[in-house]
C-alpha atoms as a PDB file:
ATOM      1  CA  UNK A   1       9.091 -14.295  23.114  1.00  0.00           C
ATOM      2  CA  UNK A   2       9.104 -11.465  24.937  1.00  0.00           C
ATOM      3  CA  UNK A   3      12.572 -11.015  25.074  1.00  0.00           C
ATOM      4  CA  UNK A   4      12.749 -10.946  21.472  1.00  0.00           C
ATOM      5  CA  UNK A   5      14.073  -7.407  20.467  1.00  0.00           C
ATOM      6  CA  UNK A   6      11.836  -7.796  16.738  1.00  0.00           C
ATOM      7  CA  UNK A   7       8.398  -6.846  16.617  1.00  0.00           C
ATOM      8  CA  UNK A   8       6.101  -9.540  15.905  1.00  0.00           C
ATOM      9  CA  UNK A   9       2.735  -9.899  14.544  1.00  0.00           C
ATOM     10  CA  UNK A  10       0.627 -13.084  13.786  1.00  0.00           C
ATOM     11  CA  UNK A  11      -2.483 -13.505  11.806  1.00  0.00           C
ATOM     12  CA  UNK A  12      -3.954 -16.554  10.973  1.00  0.00           C
ATOM     13  CA  UNK A  13      -5.500 -16.971   7.159  1.00  0.00           C
ATOM     14  CA  UNK A  14      -8.743 -17.016   9.045  1.00  0.00           C
ATOM     15  CA  UNK A  15      -8.372 -13.532  10.599  1.00  0.00           C
ATOM     16  CA  UNK A  16      -7.074 -12.143   7.697  1.00  0.00           C
ATOM     17  CA  UNK A  17     -10.105 -13.468   5.815  1.00  0.00           C
ATOM     18  CA  UNK A  18     -12.371 -11.825   8.436  1.00  0.00           C
ATOM     19  CA  UNK A  19     -10.539  -8.568   7.756  1.00  0.00           C
ATOM     20  CA  UNK A  20     -10.758  -8.661   4.266  1.00  0.00           C
ATOM     21  CA  UNK A  21     -14.583  -9.241   4.479  1.00  0.00           C
ATOM     22  CA  UNK A  22     -15.189  -6.179   6.695  1.00  0.00           C
ATOM     23  CA  UNK A  23     -13.491  -4.125   3.872  1.00  0.00           C
ATOM     24  CA  UNK A  24     -15.534  -5.521   1.675  1.00  0.00           C
ATOM     25  CA  UNK A  25     -18.584  -4.870   3.592  1.00  0.00           C
ATOM     26  CA  UNK A  26     -17.975  -1.354   4.575  1.00  0.00           C
ATOM     27  CA  UNK A  27     -16.482  -0.443   0.867  1.00  0.00           C
ATOM     28  CA  UNK A  28     -18.443  -2.991  -1.062  1.00  0.00           C
ATOM     29  CA  UNK A  29     -15.268  -3.248  -2.947  1.00  0.00           C
ATOM     30  CA  UNK A  30     -12.425  -5.268  -0.838  1.00  0.00           C
ATOM     31  CA  UNK A  31      -9.877  -3.308  -3.110  1.00  0.00           C
ATOM     32  CA  UNK A  32     -10.957   0.024  -2.533  1.00  0.00           C
ATOM     33  CA  UNK A  33      -8.873   0.932   0.214  1.00  0.00           C
ATOM     34  CA  UNK A  34      -5.030   2.239  -0.713  1.00  0.00           C
ATOM     35  CA  UNK A  35      -3.941   3.878  -3.958  1.00  0.00           C
ATOM     36  CA  UNK A  36      -4.587   1.851  -6.728  1.00  0.00           C
ATOM     37  CA  UNK A  37      -2.158   3.673  -9.129  1.00  0.00           C
ATOM     38  CA  UNK A  38       0.193   6.834  -9.585  1.00  0.00           C
ATOM     39  CA  UNK A  39       0.281   9.028 -12.364  1.00  0.00           C
ATOM     40  CA  UNK A  40       3.021  11.416 -13.367  1.00  0.00           C
ATOM     41  CA  UNK A  41       0.786  14.234 -13.641  1.00  0.00           C
ATOM     42  CA  UNK A  42      -2.815  15.664 -13.072  1.00  0.00           C
ATOM     43  CA  UNK A  43      -2.786  15.777 -17.211  1.00  0.00           C
ATOM     44  CA  UNK A  44      -1.654  12.178 -17.200  1.00  0.00           C
ATOM     45  CA  UNK A  45      -4.918  11.165 -15.283  1.00  0.00           C
ATOM     46  CA  UNK A  46      -7.685  13.729 -16.629  1.00  0.00           C
ATOM     47  CA  UNK A  47      -6.695  11.658 -20.122  1.00  0.00           C
ATOM     48  CA  UNK A  48      -7.036   8.299 -18.980  1.00  0.00           C
ATOM     49  CA  UNK A  49     -10.467   7.563 -20.107  1.00  0.00           C
ATOM     50  CA  UNK A  50     -10.631   3.703 -18.939  1.00  0.00           C
ATOM     51  CA  UNK A  51      -8.181   3.948 -15.442  1.00  0.00           C
ATOM     52  CA  UNK A  52      -7.030   0.559 -14.393  1.00  0.00           C
ATOM     53  CA  UNK A  53      -5.215  -0.089 -10.854  1.00  0.00           C
ATOM     54  CA  UNK A  54      -1.397  -1.316 -11.039  1.00  0.00           C
ATOM     55  CA  UNK A  55      -3.177  -4.610 -10.836  1.00  0.00           C
ATOM     56  CA  UNK A  56      -4.277  -4.380 -14.117  1.00  0.00           C
ATOM     57  CA  UNK A  57      -7.982  -4.385 -12.727  1.00  0.00           C
ATOM     58  CA  UNK A  58     -10.467  -1.492 -13.460  1.00  0.00           C
ATOM     59  CA  UNK A  59     -10.787   1.293 -11.647  1.00  0.00           C
ATOM     60  CA  UNK A  60     -14.185   1.786  -9.737  1.00  0.00           C
ATOM     61  CA  UNK A  61     -16.263   4.492  -8.097  1.00  0.00           C
ATOM     62  CA  UNK A  62     -14.518   5.623  -5.025  1.00  0.00           C
ATOM     63  CA  UNK A  63     -10.964   4.249  -5.783  1.00  0.00           C
ATOM     64  CA  UNK A  64      -7.953   6.110  -5.089  1.00  0.00           C
ATOM     65  CA  UNK A  65      -5.141   7.297  -7.212  1.00  0.00           C
ATOM     66  CA  UNK A  66      -1.996   9.677  -6.749  1.00  0.00           C
ATOM     67  CA  UNK A  67       0.127  12.355  -8.186  1.00  0.00           C
ATOM     68  CA  UNK A  68       3.935  11.803  -8.186  1.00  0.00           C
ATOM     69  CA  UNK A  69       6.620  12.579 -10.903  1.00  0.00           C
ATOM     70  CA  UNK A  70      10.179  10.854  -9.810  1.00  0.00           C
ATOM     71  CA  UNK A  71      11.484  13.307 -12.388  1.00  0.00           C
ATOM     72  CA  UNK A  72      10.633  16.428 -11.007  1.00  0.00           C
ATOM     73  CA  UNK A  73      10.258  16.146  -7.408  1.00  0.00           C
ATOM     74  CA  UNK A  74       9.197  19.840  -6.612  1.00  0.00           C
ATOM     75  CA  UNK A  75       5.963  19.377  -8.681  1.00  0.00           C
ATOM     76  CA  UNK A  76       3.346  20.968  -7.138  1.00  0.00           C
ATOM     77  CA  UNK A  77       1.437  18.230  -8.110  1.00  0.00           C
ATOM     78  CA  UNK A  78       3.152  15.152  -6.336  1.00  0.00           C
ATOM     79  CA  UNK A  79       1.451  13.663  -2.971  1.00  0.00           C
ATOM     80  CA  UNK A  80      -2.211  15.247  -4.727  1.00  0.00           C
ATOM     81  CA  UNK A  81      -4.692  11.931  -4.318  1.00  0.00           C
ATOM     82  CA  UNK A  82      -7.561  11.592  -6.115  1.00  0.00           C
ATOM     83  CA  UNK A  83     -10.836   9.743  -5.955  1.00  0.00           C
ATOM     84  CA  UNK A  84     -12.337   8.050  -9.432  1.00  0.00           C
ATOM     85  CA  UNK A  85     -15.802   9.024  -9.557  1.00  0.00           C
ATOM     86  CA  UNK A  86     -16.448   7.056 -12.802  1.00  0.00           C
ATOM     87  CA  UNK A  87     -16.259   9.207 -14.978  1.00  0.00           C
ATOM     88  CA  UNK A  88     -14.045  12.134 -13.684  1.00  0.00           C
ATOM     89  CA  UNK A  89     -12.081  12.788 -10.773  1.00  0.00           C
ATOM     90  CA  UNK A  90     -12.682  14.829  -6.977  1.00  0.00           C
ATOM     91  CA  UNK A  91      -9.342  15.865  -5.241  1.00  0.00           C
ATOM     92  CA  UNK A  92      -9.939  14.508  -1.448  1.00  0.00           C
ATOM     93  CA  UNK A  93      -6.538  15.499   0.055  1.00  0.00           C
ATOM     94  CA  UNK A  94      -2.683  15.989  -0.639  1.00  0.00           C
ATOM     95  CA  UNK A  95       0.144  13.325   1.182  1.00  0.00           C
ATOM     96  CA  UNK A  96       3.172  15.693   2.206  1.00  0.00           C
ATOM     97  CA  UNK A  97       5.605  13.627   0.507  1.00  0.00           C
ATOM     98  CA  UNK A  98       8.745  16.023   1.549  1.00  0.00           C
ATOM     99  CA  UNK A  99       9.390  13.427   4.507  1.00  0.00           C
ATOM    100  CA  UNK A 100       9.826  10.598   2.524  1.00  0.00           C
ATOM    101  CA  UNK A 101      11.706   9.713  -0.783  1.00  0.00           C
ATOM    102  CA  UNK A 102      11.575   7.022  -3.132  1.00  0.00           C
ATOM    103  CA  UNK A 103      14.664   5.275  -1.417  1.00  0.00           C
ATOM    104  CA  UNK A 104      13.360   5.725   1.968  1.00  0.00           C
ATOM    105  CA  UNK A 105      10.255   4.641   0.849  1.00  0.00           C
ATOM    106  CA  UNK A 106      12.050   1.524  -0.865  1.00  0.00           C
ATOM    107  CA  UNK A 107      13.999   0.661   2.436  1.00  0.00           C
ATOM    108  CA  UNK A 108      11.444   0.426   4.356  1.00  0.00           C
ATOM    109  CA  UNK A 109       9.516  -2.069   2.383  1.00  0.00           C
ATOM    110  CA  UNK A 110      12.641  -3.798   2.179  1.00  0.00           C
ATOM    111  CA  UNK A 111      12.120  -3.990   6.240  1.00  0.00           C
ATOM    112  CA  UNK A 112       9.496  -6.014   6.022  1.00  0.00           C
ATOM    113  CA  UNK A 113      10.351 -10.286   6.321  1.00  0.00           C
ATOM    114  CA  UNK A 114       7.219 -12.521   6.210  1.00  0.00           C
ATOM    115  CA  UNK A 115       8.173 -16.097   7.631  1.00  0.00           C
ATOM    116  CA  UNK A 116       6.115 -19.044   8.660  1.00  0.00           C
ATOM    117  CA  UNK A 117       6.809 -19.760  12.885  1.00  0.00           C
ATOM    118  CA  UNK A 118       9.136 -22.546  11.279  1.00  0.00           C
ATOM    119  CA  UNK A 119      11.304 -20.248   9.172  1.00  0.00           C
ATOM    120  CA  UNK A 120      11.628 -17.786  12.270  1.00  0.00           C
ATOM    121  CA  UNK A 121      12.779 -19.899  14.626  1.00  0.00           C
ATOM    122  CA  UNK A 122      15.348 -21.310  12.678  1.00  0.00           C
ATOM    123  CA  UNK A 123      17.012 -17.552  11.947  1.00  0.00           C
ATOM    124  CA  UNK A 124      20.369 -17.954  13.314  1.00  0.00           C
ATOM    125  CA  UNK A 125      20.417 -14.116  14.046  1.00  0.00           C
ATOM    126  CA  UNK A 126      17.680 -11.712  13.893  1.00  0.00           C
ATOM    127  CA  UNK A 127      18.370  -8.262  11.983  1.00  0.00           C
ATOM    128  CA  UNK A 128      17.805  -5.520  14.219  1.00  0.00           C
ATOM    129  CA  UNK A 129      16.890  -3.671  11.290  1.00  0.00           C
ATOM    130  CA  UNK A 130      14.042  -5.917   9.961  1.00  0.00           C
ATOM    131  CA  UNK A 131       9.935  -6.268  11.126  1.00  0.00           C
ATOM    132  CA  UNK A 132       9.407  -9.950  10.897  1.00  0.00           C
ATOM    133  CA  UNK A 133       5.587 -10.804  10.742  1.00  0.00           C
ATOM    134  CA  UNK A 134       5.122 -14.733  11.215  1.00  0.00           C
ATOM    135  CA  UNK A 135       2.057 -16.397   9.396  1.00  0.00           C
ATOM    136  CA  UNK A 136       0.361 -19.877   9.847  1.00  0.00           C
ATOM    137  CA  UNK A 137       0.798 -21.860   7.157  1.00  0.00           C
ATOM    138  CA  UNK A 138      -2.803 -23.403   6.398  1.00  0.00           C
END
């Protein structure tokens, strides 16, 4: 598929499991990486005495949250990332959100297409704006 213009990533379930095992071993928690929840303000975050992630699981020590208020895109707190100290919070960095709007980020998410190799091969036309990920069925 060297002539294929679309970028492909191929990972077996075993490779993905191995990567998750490495993350779990490093962090002590496979859910530890990434932003677990987004609050609209620092006040909302600080008043959340039993924080949970977007997945409904309780936040654990060291997990991260962000601040973003879609109704106030000029807020000076937008893009701040905090780590949960169980209890309490610590500002760890700031994402410069001025480069991408929520709409632009949603378009990026829509770009990704996950297919089996058979589904990919069956595509009549590949969309140059899509990123195709091939996974092996178990």
